[in-house]
Amino acid sequence: MGFALARYLRYCRYFDEWITVTTAALAVFRERGDRHAEGGALTP
């Protein structure tokens, strides 16, 4: 869901919110040790 929301926010040009959502998702992926999802979060 975070990826879909981030895509929507980027599309609508809500860049501050996009950065916030992506940063939160990245923190969760790093905590879980999910390198694949972490890479997805880092790729726009």
PDB file of N, CA and C in Angstrom:
ATOM      1  N   MET A   1       0.827  -1.190   0.000  1.00  0.00           N
ATOM      2  CA  MET A   1       0.000   0.000   0.000  1.00  0.00           C
ATOM      3  C   MET A   1       0.872   1.254   0.000  1.00  0.00           C
ATOM      4  N   GLY A   2       1.988   1.185   0.706  1.00  0.00           N
ATOM      5  CA  GLY A   2       2.878   2.337   0.745  1.00  0.00           C
ATOM      6  C   GLY A   2       3.406   2.708  -0.627  1.00  0.00           C
ATOM      7  N   PHE A   3       3.696   1.679  -1.456  1.00  0.00           N
ATOM      8  CA  PHE A   3       4.194   1.956  -2.806  1.00  0.00           C
ATOM      9  C   PHE A   3       3.122   2.630  -3.653  1.00  0.00           C
ATOM     10  N   ALA A   4       1.882   2.170  -3.543  1.00  0.00           N
ATOM     11  CA  ALA A   4       0.790   2.774  -4.314  1.00  0.00           C
ATOM     12  C   ALA A   4       0.568   4.215  -3.878  1.00  0.00           C
ATOM     13  N   LEU A   5       0.598   4.454  -2.586  1.00  0.00           N
ATOM     14  CA  LEU A   5       0.422   5.817  -2.084  1.00  0.00           C
ATOM     15  C   LEU A   5       1.570   6.708  -2.524  1.00  0.00           C
ATOM     16  N   ALA A   6       2.780   6.207  -2.458  1.00  0.00           N
ATOM     17  CA  ALA A   6       3.938   6.997  -2.878  1.00  0.00           C
ATOM     18  C   ALA A   6       3.845   7.330  -4.365  1.00  0.00           C
ATOM     19  N   ARG A   7       3.422   6.381  -5.170  1.00  0.00           N
ATOM     20  CA  ARG A   7       3.270   6.630  -6.609  1.00  0.00           C
ATOM     21  C   ARG A   7       2.222   7.718  -6.863  1.00  0.00           C
ATOM     22  N   TYR A   8       1.094   7.639  -6.148  1.00  0.00           N
ATOM     23  CA  TYR A   8       0.037   8.647  -6.287  1.00  0.00           C
ATOM     24  C   TYR A   8       0.538  10.029  -5.862  1.00  0.00           C
ATOM     25  N   LEU A   9       1.223  10.092  -4.732  1.00  0.00           N
ATOM     26  CA  LEU A   9       1.717  11.380  -4.241  1.00  0.00           C
ATOM     27  C   LEU A   9       2.727  11.986  -5.206  1.00  0.00           C
ATOM     28  N   ARG A  10       3.585  11.162  -5.768  1.00  0.00           N
ATOM     29  CA  ARG A  10       4.553  11.658  -6.746  1.00  0.00           C
ATOM     30  C   ARG A  10       3.828  12.144  -7.998  1.00  0.00           C
ATOM     31  N   TYR A  11       2.834  11.400  -8.451  1.00  0.00           N
ATOM     32  CA  TYR A  11       2.068  11.769  -9.644  1.00  0.00           C
ATOM     33  C   TYR A  11       1.361  13.112  -9.450  1.00  0.00           C
ATOM     34  N   CYS A  12       0.795  13.322  -8.259  1.00  0.00           N
ATOM     35  CA  CYS A  12       0.069  14.571  -7.963  1.00  0.00           C
ATOM     36  C   CYS A  12       1.002  15.692  -7.522  1.00  0.00           C
ATOM     37  N   ARG A  13       2.285  15.401  -7.481  1.00  0.00           N
ATOM     38  CA  ARG A  13       3.318  16.375  -7.148  1.00  0.00           C
ATOM     39  C   ARG A  13       3.248  16.847  -5.683  1.00  0.00           C
ATOM     40  N   TYR A  14       2.854  15.952  -4.782  1.00  0.00           N
ATOM     41  CA  TYR A  14       2.895  16.209  -3.345  1.00  0.00           C
ATOM     42  C   TYR A  14       4.228  15.683  -2.824  1.00  0.00           C
ATOM     43  N   PHE A  15       5.287  16.388  -3.170  1.00  0.00           N
ATOM     44  CA  PHE A  15       6.627  15.870  -2.930  1.00  0.00           C
ATOM     45  C   PHE A  15       6.981  15.731  -1.451  1.00  0.00           C
ATOM     46  N   ASP A  16       6.544  16.662  -0.602  1.00  0.00           N
ATOM     47  CA  ASP A  16       6.845  16.544   0.831  1.00  0.00           C
ATOM     48  C   ASP A  16       6.207  15.292   1.423  1.00  0.00           C
ATOM     49  N   GLU A  17       4.956  15.037   1.059  1.00  0.00           N
ATOM     50  CA  GLU A  17       4.262  13.854   1.556  1.00  0.00           C
ATOM     51  C   GLU A  17       4.877  12.578   0.985  1.00  0.00           C
ATOM     52  N   TRP A  18       5.284  12.632  -0.283  1.00  0.00           N
ATOM     53  CA  TRP A  18       5.926  11.485  -0.928  1.00  0.00           C
ATOM     54  C   TRP A  18       7.208  11.105  -0.192  1.00  0.00           C
ATOM     55  N   ILE A  19       8.002  12.106   0.155  1.00  0.00           N
ATOM     56  CA  ILE A  19       9.247  11.852   0.883  1.00  0.00           C
ATOM     57  C   ILE A  19       8.948  11.259   2.257  1.00  0.00           C
ATOM     58  N   THR A  20       7.925  11.775   2.937  1.00  0.00           N
ATOM     59  CA  THR A  20       7.562  11.276   4.264  1.00  0.00           C
ATOM     60  C   THR A  20       7.141   9.811   4.208  1.00  0.00           C
ATOM     61  N   VAL A  21       6.277   9.463   3.268  1.00  0.00           N
ATOM     62  CA  VAL A  21       5.795   8.083   3.145  1.00  0.00           C
ATOM     63  C   VAL A  21       6.939   7.145   2.772  1.00  0.00           C
ATOM     64  N   THR A  22       7.759   7.567   1.826  1.00  0.00           N
ATOM     65  CA  THR A  22       8.866   6.733   1.381  1.00  0.00           C
ATOM     66  C   THR A  22       9.890   6.521   2.492  1.00  0.00           C
ATOM     67  N   THR A  23      10.164   7.558   3.263  1.00  0.00           N
ATOM     68  CA  THR A  23      11.109   7.450   4.372  1.00  0.00           C
ATOM     69  C   THR A  23      10.589   6.493   5.443  1.00  0.00           C
ATOM     70  N   ALA A  24       9.297   6.577   5.743  1.00  0.00           N
ATOM     71  CA  ALA A  24       8.705   5.673   6.733  1.00  0.00           C
ATOM     72  C   ALA A  24       8.759   4.224   6.246  1.00  0.00           C
ATOM     73  N   ALA A  25       8.425   4.010   4.978  1.00  0.00           N
ATOM     74  CA  ALA A  25       8.477   2.654   4.419  1.00  0.00           C
ATOM     75  C   ALA A  25       9.901   2.121   4.436  1.00  0.00           C
ATOM     76  N   LEU A  26      10.844   2.958   4.096  1.00  0.00           N
ATOM     77  CA  LEU A  26      12.247   2.554   4.083  1.00  0.00           C
ATOM     78  C   LEU A  26      12.710   2.138   5.479  1.00  0.00           C
ATOM     79  N   ALA A  27      12.286   2.867   6.499  1.00  0.00           N
ATOM     80  CA  ALA A  27      12.659   2.524   7.873  1.00  0.00           C
ATOM     81  C   ALA A  27      12.107   1.151   8.267  1.00  0.00           C
ATOM     82  N   VAL A  28      10.877   0.866   7.872  1.00  0.00           N
ATOM     83  CA  VAL A  28      10.269  -0.433   8.176  1.00  0.00           C
ATOM     84  C   VAL A  28      11.020  -1.556   7.465  1.00  0.00           C
ATOM     85  N   PHE A  29      11.330  -1.351   6.195  1.00  0.00           N
ATOM     86  CA  PHE A  29      12.033  -2.387   5.433  1.00  0.00           C
ATOM     87  C   PHE A  29      13.419  -2.647   5.992  1.00  0.00           C
ATOM     88  N   ARG A  30      14.096  -1.594   6.398  1.00  0.00           N
ATOM     89  CA  ARG A  30      15.436  -1.767   6.972  1.00  0.00           C
ATOM     90  C   ARG A  30      15.361  -2.500   8.306  1.00  0.00           C
ATOM     91  N   GLU A  31      14.345  -2.183   9.110  1.00  0.00           N
ATOM     92  CA  GLU A  31      14.175  -2.852  10.405  1.00  0.00           C
ATOM     93  C   GLU A  31      13.899  -4.339  10.220  1.00  0.00           C
ATOM     94  N   ARG A  32      13.124  -4.678   9.189  1.00  0.00           N
ATOM     95  CA  ARG A  32      12.801  -6.080   8.906  1.00  0.00           C
ATOM     96  C   ARG A  32      13.925  -6.805   8.188  1.00  0.00           C
ATOM     97  N   GLY A  33      14.882  -6.057   7.655  1.00  0.00           N
ATOM     98  CA  GLY A  33      15.969  -6.676   6.916  1.00  0.00           C
ATOM     99  C   GLY A  33      15.566  -7.090   5.506  1.00  0.00           C
ATOM    100  N   ASP A  34      14.540  -6.462   4.971  1.00  0.00           N
ATOM    101  CA  ASP A  34      14.018  -6.791   3.645  1.00  0.00           C
ATOM    102  C   ASP A  34      14.740  -5.956   2.589  1.00  0.00           C
ATOM    103  N   ARG A  35      15.853  -6.481   2.093  1.00  0.00           N
ATOM    104  CA  ARG A  35      16.699  -5.737   1.149  1.00  0.00           C
ATOM    105  C   ARG A  35      15.997  -5.504  -0.193  1.00  0.00           C
ATOM    106  N   HIS A  36      15.189  -6.444  -0.628  1.00  0.00           N
ATOM    107  CA  HIS A  36      14.481  -6.291  -1.898  1.00  0.00           C
ATOM    108  C   HIS A  36      13.493  -5.121  -1.829  1.00  0.00           C
ATOM    109  N   ALA A  37      12.691  -5.073  -0.778  1.00  0.00           N
ATOM    110  CA  ALA A  37      11.728  -3.982  -0.618  1.00  0.00           C
ATOM    111  C   ALA A  37      12.444  -2.655  -0.378  1.00  0.00           C
ATOM    112  N   GLU A  38      13.557  -2.703   0.320  1.00  0.00           N
ATOM    113  CA  GLU A  38      14.347  -1.492   0.545  1.00  0.00           C
ATOM    114  C   GLU A  38      14.810  -0.911  -0.789  1.00  0.00           C
ATOM    115  N   GLY A  39      15.265  -1.764  -1.668  1.00  0.00           N
ATOM    116  CA  GLY A  39      15.668  -1.311  -3.001  1.00  0.00           C
ATOM    117  C   GLY A  39      14.507  -0.712  -3.773  1.00  0.00           C
ATOM    118  N   GLY A  40      13.340  -1.309  -3.637  1.00  0.00           N
ATOM    119  CA  GLY A  40      12.150  -0.762  -4.294  1.00  0.00           C
ATOM    120  C   GLY A  40      11.774   0.604  -3.761  1.00  0.00           C
ATOM    121  N   ALA A  41      11.943   0.803  -2.464  1.00  0.00           N
ATOM    122  CA  ALA A  41      11.619   2.097  -1.864  1.00  0.00           C
ATOM    123  C   ALA A  41      12.612   3.174  -2.290  1.00  0.00           C
ATOM    124  N   LEU A  42      13.824   2.771  -2.584  1.00  0.00           N
ATOM    125  CA  LEU A  42      14.842   3.741  -2.984  1.00  0.00           C
ATOM    126  C   LEU A  42      14.793   4.076  -4.471  1.00  0.00           C
ATOM    127  N   THR A  43      14.020   3.329  -5.235  1.00  0.00           N
ATOM    128  CA  THR A  43      13.924   3.548  -6.677  1.00  0.00           C
ATOM    129  C   THR A  43      12.612   4.245  -6.997  1.00  0.00           C
ATOM    130  N   PRO A  44      12.666   5.470  -7.514  1.00  0.00           N
ATOM    131  CA  PRO A  44      11.405   6.195  -7.802  1.00  0.00           C
ATOM    132  C   PRO A  44      10.611   5.634  -8.928  1.00  0.00           C
TER     133      PRO A  44
END
